[in-house]
Amino acid sequence: MGYMRETFKVIEGHTTKLELRKDQFKEQVLGSTDANVEEMHKDLKFTYDKLTDRNDALEAMIVAFNEKIKVMASRIEELKGELVVCIVVVGAWMKDELVSLLGLG
């Protein structure tokens, strides 16, 4: 009977030590995980900030390009009008030259 009590006390001591080690290990793992999460959070924030800056820069470039496109479209319309005038003038000149060459005028 005394042998069983001794064995029980030994087992109980080992169980207590295992519980203590389990708690220590748990704290280590949680501490390590917290540090990793913090580091990952810093990296993600850094990446997010860089991407946000690039996005802002790209949006500004797009606005500038759209303004240039509007200016160019306006200039194209002006040039189309000038081209119509040139066609009319050249057409009238050619008609006059043709009439003169054929002696019809």
N, C-alpha and C. Protein backbone atom coordinates (compact mmCIF):
# COMPACT_ATOMS: atom_id res chain seq x y z
N MET A 1 0.82 -1.18 0.00
CA MET A 1 0.00 0.00 0.00
C MET A 1 0.87 1.26 0.00
N GLY A 2 1.93 1.27 0.79
CA GLY A 2 2.84 2.42 0.87
C GLY A 2 3.53 2.65 -0.46
N TYR A 3 3.78 1.57 -1.15
CA TYR A 3 4.42 1.66 -2.46
C TYR A 3 3.53 2.42 -3.44
N MET A 4 2.24 2.17 -3.39
CA MET A 4 1.29 2.83 -4.30
C MET A 4 1.20 4.32 -3.99
N ARG A 5 1.23 4.66 -2.70
CA ARG A 5 1.18 6.09 -2.33
C ARG A 5 2.42 6.81 -2.83
N GLU A 6 3.57 6.16 -2.68
CA GLU A 6 4.81 6.75 -3.17
C GLU A 6 4.75 6.95 -4.67
N THR A 7 4.29 5.94 -5.38
CA THR A 7 4.17 6.01 -6.83
C THR A 7 3.20 7.12 -7.23
N PHE A 8 2.11 7.20 -6.51
CA PHE A 8 1.11 8.25 -6.78
C PHE A 8 1.72 9.64 -6.59
N LYS A 9 2.51 9.82 -5.53
CA LYS A 9 3.13 11.12 -5.28
C LYS A 9 4.15 11.46 -6.38
N VAL A 10 4.89 10.44 -6.82
CA VAL A 10 5.87 10.64 -7.90
C VAL A 10 5.14 11.05 -9.17
N ILE A 11 4.08 10.33 -9.49
CA ILE A 11 3.28 10.64 -10.69
C ILE A 11 2.70 12.03 -10.57
N GLU A 12 2.19 12.37 -9.39
CA GLU A 12 1.60 13.69 -9.17
C GLU A 12 2.65 14.78 -9.36
N GLY A 13 3.87 14.55 -8.90
CA GLY A 13 4.96 15.51 -9.07
C GLY A 13 5.30 15.71 -10.54
N HIS A 14 5.36 14.60 -11.28
CA HIS A 14 5.65 14.68 -12.71
C HIS A 14 4.53 15.41 -13.45
N THR A 15 3.31 15.14 -13.04
CA THR A 15 2.16 15.80 -13.65
C THR A 15 2.23 17.30 -13.43
N THR A 16 2.60 17.70 -12.23
CA THR A 16 2.74 19.13 -11.92
C THR A 16 3.83 19.76 -12.78
N LYS A 17 4.96 19.06 -12.90
CA LYS A 17 6.06 19.57 -13.73
C LYS A 17 5.62 19.68 -15.19
N LEU A 18 4.90 18.68 -15.69
CA LEU A 18 4.41 18.72 -17.07
C LEU A 18 3.46 19.89 -17.29
N GLU A 19 2.59 20.13 -16.32
CA GLU A 19 1.65 21.26 -16.42
C GLU A 19 2.42 22.58 -16.48
N LEU A 20 3.46 22.69 -15.62
CA LEU A 20 4.27 23.89 -15.59
C LEU A 20 4.98 24.09 -16.94
N ARG A 21 5.57 23.03 -17.46
CA ARG A 21 6.25 23.11 -18.75
C ARG A 21 5.26 23.42 -19.87
N LYS A 22 4.09 22.84 -19.78
CA LYS A 22 3.05 23.12 -20.77
C LYS A 22 2.71 24.61 -20.77
N ASP A 23 2.54 25.19 -19.59
CA ASP A 23 2.23 26.61 -19.47
C ASP A 23 3.37 27.47 -20.00
N GLN A 24 4.62 27.08 -19.69
CA GLN A 24 5.78 27.82 -20.18
C GLN A 24 5.85 27.77 -21.71
N PHE A 25 5.63 26.59 -22.25
CA PHE A 25 5.66 26.41 -23.70
C PHE A 25 4.56 27.24 -24.36
N LYS A 26 3.39 27.22 -23.76
CA LYS A 26 2.26 27.99 -24.27
C LYS A 26 2.60 29.48 -24.31
N GLU A 27 3.21 29.98 -23.22
CA GLU A 27 3.61 31.39 -23.17
C GLU A 27 4.65 31.71 -24.24
N GLN A 28 5.60 30.78 -24.44
CA GLN A 28 6.63 30.97 -25.46
C GLN A 28 5.99 31.06 -26.84
N VAL A 29 5.11 30.12 -27.12
CA VAL A 29 4.46 30.08 -28.44
C VAL A 29 3.64 31.35 -28.66
N LEU A 30 2.86 31.74 -27.65
CA LEU A 30 2.04 32.95 -27.78
C LEU A 30 2.90 34.19 -27.95
N GLY A 31 3.98 34.27 -27.18
CA GLY A 31 4.90 35.41 -27.30
C GLY A 31 5.52 35.47 -28.68
N SER A 32 5.94 34.33 -29.17
CA SER A 32 6.53 34.26 -30.51
C SER A 32 5.50 34.62 -31.57
N THR A 33 4.30 34.12 -31.41
CA THR A 33 3.23 34.42 -32.37
C THR A 33 2.90 35.90 -32.36
N ASP A 34 2.81 36.50 -31.18
CA ASP A 34 2.53 37.93 -31.08
C ASP A 34 3.60 38.75 -31.79
N ALA A 35 4.86 38.36 -31.59
CA ALA A 35 5.96 39.08 -32.25
C ALA A 35 5.84 38.94 -33.77
N ASN A 36 5.52 37.73 -34.23
CA ASN A 36 5.37 37.51 -35.67
C ASN A 36 4.20 38.31 -36.24
N VAL A 37 3.12 38.34 -35.50
CA VAL A 37 1.94 39.08 -35.96
C VAL A 37 2.27 40.56 -36.03
N GLU A 38 2.96 41.08 -35.03
CA GLU A 38 3.34 42.50 -35.04
C GLU A 38 4.23 42.80 -36.23
N GLU A 39 5.20 41.94 -36.49
CA GLU A 39 6.11 42.15 -37.63
C GLU A 39 5.34 42.09 -38.95
N MET A 40 4.46 41.13 -39.07
CA MET A 40 3.65 41.02 -40.28
C MET A 40 2.75 42.24 -40.45
N HIS A 41 2.21 42.73 -39.34
CA HIS A 41 1.36 43.92 -39.40
C HIS A 41 2.16 45.13 -39.88
N LYS A 42 3.38 45.28 -39.37
CA LYS A 42 4.25 46.38 -39.83
C LYS A 42 4.53 46.26 -41.32
N ASP A 43 4.86 45.04 -41.77
CA ASP A 43 5.14 44.82 -43.19
C ASP A 43 3.93 45.13 -44.05
N LEU A 44 2.76 44.66 -43.61
CA LEU A 44 1.54 44.91 -44.37
C LEU A 44 1.21 46.40 -44.42
N LYS A 45 1.39 47.10 -43.31
CA LYS A 45 1.12 48.53 -43.29
C LYS A 45 2.07 49.26 -44.22
N PHE A 46 3.35 48.89 -44.20
CA PHE A 46 4.34 49.50 -45.08
C PHE A 46 3.95 49.29 -46.54
N THR A 47 3.59 48.05 -46.87
CA THR A 47 3.19 47.72 -48.24
C THR A 47 1.93 48.48 -48.63
N TYR A 48 0.97 48.53 -47.73
CA TYR A 48 -0.28 49.25 -47.99
C TYR A 48 0.00 50.74 -48.25
N ASP A 49 0.84 51.33 -47.43
CA ASP A 49 1.17 52.75 -47.60
C ASP A 49 1.86 53.00 -48.94
N LYS A 50 2.79 52.12 -49.30
CA LYS A 50 3.48 52.28 -50.60
C LYS A 50 2.50 52.15 -51.76
N LEU A 51 1.61 51.15 -51.68
CA LEU A 51 0.63 50.96 -52.74
C LEU A 51 -0.34 52.13 -52.82
N THR A 52 -0.70 52.67 -51.68
CA THR A 52 -1.59 53.83 -51.66
C THR A 52 -0.91 55.02 -52.32
N ASP A 53 0.36 55.24 -52.01
CA ASP A 53 1.11 56.33 -52.64
C ASP A 53 1.18 56.15 -54.15
N ARG A 54 1.46 54.94 -54.57
CA ARG A 54 1.54 54.66 -56.02
C ARG A 54 0.19 54.85 -56.68
N ASN A 55 -0.86 54.42 -56.00
CA ASN A 55 -2.21 54.59 -56.53
C ASN A 55 -2.53 56.06 -56.69
N ASP A 56 -2.19 56.86 -55.69
CA ASP A 56 -2.43 58.31 -55.77
C ASP A 56 -1.67 58.93 -56.94
N ALA A 57 -0.42 58.50 -57.11
CA ALA A 57 0.39 59.02 -58.21
C ALA A 57 -0.21 58.62 -59.56
N LEU A 58 -0.66 57.37 -59.67
CA LEU A 58 -1.26 56.92 -60.92
C LEU A 58 -2.56 57.67 -61.21
N GLU A 59 -3.36 57.91 -60.18
CA GLU A 59 -4.60 58.66 -60.38
C GLU A 59 -4.29 60.07 -60.88
N ALA A 60 -3.27 60.70 -60.32
CA ALA A 60 -2.88 62.05 -60.77
C ALA A 60 -2.42 62.02 -62.22
N MET A 61 -1.67 60.98 -62.58
CA MET A 61 -1.22 60.85 -63.97
C MET A 61 -2.41 60.66 -64.91
N ILE A 62 -3.37 59.87 -64.51
CA ILE A 62 -4.55 59.62 -65.35
C ILE A 62 -5.33 60.92 -65.55
N VAL A 63 -5.48 61.70 -64.48
CA VAL A 63 -6.18 62.99 -64.61
C VAL A 63 -5.43 63.88 -65.59
N ALA A 64 -4.10 63.94 -65.46
CA ALA A 64 -3.30 64.76 -66.37
C ALA A 64 -3.43 64.27 -67.81
N PHE A 65 -3.37 62.96 -68.01
CA PHE A 65 -3.51 62.41 -69.36
C PHE A 65 -4.89 62.72 -69.94
N ASN A 66 -5.92 62.61 -69.12
CA ASN A 66 -7.27 62.92 -69.61
C ASN A 66 -7.38 64.37 -70.04
N GLU A 67 -6.74 65.27 -69.30
CA GLU A 67 -6.75 66.68 -69.68
C GLU A 67 -6.02 66.88 -71.01
N LYS A 68 -4.89 66.20 -71.17
CA LYS A 68 -4.15 66.31 -72.43
C LYS A 68 -4.98 65.76 -73.58
N ILE A 69 -5.69 64.68 -73.35
CA ILE A 69 -6.53 64.08 -74.39
C ILE A 69 -7.62 65.06 -74.80
N LYS A 70 -8.22 65.74 -73.83
CA LYS A 70 -9.26 66.74 -74.14
C LYS A 70 -8.69 67.87 -74.99
N VAL A 71 -7.50 68.35 -74.62
CA VAL A 71 -6.85 69.42 -75.39
C VAL A 71 -6.56 68.95 -76.80
N MET A 72 -6.04 67.73 -76.91
CA MET A 72 -5.71 67.18 -78.23
C MET A 72 -6.97 66.99 -79.08
N ALA A 73 -8.04 66.51 -78.47
CA ALA A 73 -9.30 66.32 -79.20
C ALA A 73 -9.81 67.66 -79.71
N SER A 74 -9.70 68.69 -78.89
CA SER A 74 -10.12 70.02 -79.30
C SER A 74 -9.28 70.51 -80.47
N ARG A 75 -7.98 70.30 -80.38
CA ARG A 75 -7.08 70.72 -81.47
C ARG A 75 -7.38 69.94 -82.75
N ILE A 76 -7.69 68.67 -82.63
CA ILE A 76 -8.04 67.85 -83.81
C ILE A 76 -9.28 68.43 -84.49
N GLU A 77 -10.27 68.82 -83.70
CA GLU A 77 -11.48 69.42 -84.28
C GLU A 77 -11.14 70.72 -85.00
N GLU A 78 -10.25 71.54 -84.41
CA GLU A 78 -9.83 72.77 -85.09
C GLU A 78 -9.16 72.45 -86.42
N LEU A 79 -8.27 71.45 -86.40
CA LEU A 79 -7.55 71.07 -87.62
C LEU A 79 -8.50 70.51 -88.68
N LYS A 80 -9.53 69.80 -88.26
CA LYS A 80 -10.52 69.30 -89.22
C LYS A 80 -11.20 70.47 -89.92
N GLY A 81 -11.54 71.48 -89.13
CA GLY A 81 -12.16 72.68 -89.72
C GLY A 81 -11.23 73.35 -90.71
N GLU A 82 -9.95 73.49 -90.35
CA GLU A 82 -8.97 74.09 -91.25
C GLU A 82 -8.80 73.25 -92.51
N LEU A 83 -8.84 71.93 -92.36
CA LEU A 83 -8.71 71.04 -93.51
C LEU A 83 -9.87 71.23 -94.47
N VAL A 84 -11.07 71.39 -93.95
CA VAL A 84 -12.24 71.62 -94.80
C VAL A 84 -12.06 72.91 -95.59
N VAL A 85 -11.58 73.96 -94.92
CA VAL A 85 -11.33 75.24 -95.60
C VAL A 85 -10.28 75.04 -96.69
N CYS A 86 -9.20 74.32 -96.39
CA CYS A 86 -8.14 74.07 -97.38
C CYS A 86 -8.68 73.30 -98.57
N ILE A 87 -9.50 72.32 -98.32
CA ILE A 87 -10.08 71.52 -99.42
C ILE A 87 -10.93 72.41 -100.31
N VAL A 88 -11.73 73.27 -99.70
CA VAL A 88 -12.58 74.18 -100.48
C VAL A 88 -11.72 75.14 -101.30
N VAL A 89 -10.68 75.71 -100.68
CA VAL A 89 -9.82 76.66 -101.39
C VAL A 89 -9.09 75.97 -102.53
N VAL A 90 -8.50 74.80 -102.23
CA VAL A 90 -7.76 74.07 -103.27
C VAL A 90 -8.72 73.63 -104.37
N GLY A 91 -9.91 73.21 -104.00
CA GLY A 91 -10.90 72.81 -105.01
C GLY A 91 -11.28 73.97 -105.90
N ALA A 92 -11.48 75.13 -105.32
CA ALA A 92 -11.83 76.31 -106.12
C ALA A 92 -10.67 76.70 -107.02
N TRP A 93 -9.47 76.64 -106.50
CA TRP A 93 -8.29 76.98 -107.30
C TRP A 93 -8.14 76.01 -108.47
N MET A 94 -8.32 74.71 -108.19
CA MET A 94 -8.21 73.70 -109.25
C MET A 94 -9.27 73.91 -110.32
N LYS A 95 -10.46 74.28 -109.89
CA LYS A 95 -11.54 74.54 -110.85
C LYS A 95 -11.16 75.71 -111.74
N ASP A 96 -10.65 76.78 -111.12
CA ASP A 96 -10.25 77.95 -111.90
C ASP A 96 -9.13 77.60 -112.88
N GLU A 97 -8.16 76.80 -112.42
CA GLU A 97 -7.04 76.40 -113.29
C GLU A 97 -7.54 75.54 -114.43
N LEU A 98 -8.45 74.63 -114.14
CA LEU A 98 -8.98 73.75 -115.17
C LEU A 98 -9.77 74.55 -116.21
N VAL A 99 -10.56 75.47 -115.75
CA VAL A 99 -11.32 76.34 -116.66
C VAL A 99 -10.37 77.14 -117.51
N SER A 100 -9.30 77.64 -116.91
CA SER A 100 -8.31 78.47 -117.63
C SER A 100 -7.58 77.61 -118.65
N LEU A 101 -7.18 76.39 -118.27
CA LEU A 101 -6.45 75.50 -119.17
C LEU A 101 -7.30 75.07 -120.35
N LEU A 102 -8.55 74.85 -120.09
CA LEU A 102 -9.44 74.39 -121.16
C LEU A 102 -9.96 75.57 -121.99
N GLY A 103 -9.68 76.76 -121.52
CA GLY A 103 -10.10 77.94 -122.24
C GLY A 103 -11.60 78.15 -122.19
N LEU A 104 -12.20 77.72 -121.10
CA LEU A 104 -13.63 77.85 -120.97
C LEU A 104 -14.03 79.14 -120.27
N GLY A 105 -13.12 79.86 -119.77
CA GLY A 105 -13.44 81.00 -118.95
C GLY A 105 -13.30 82.32 -119.53
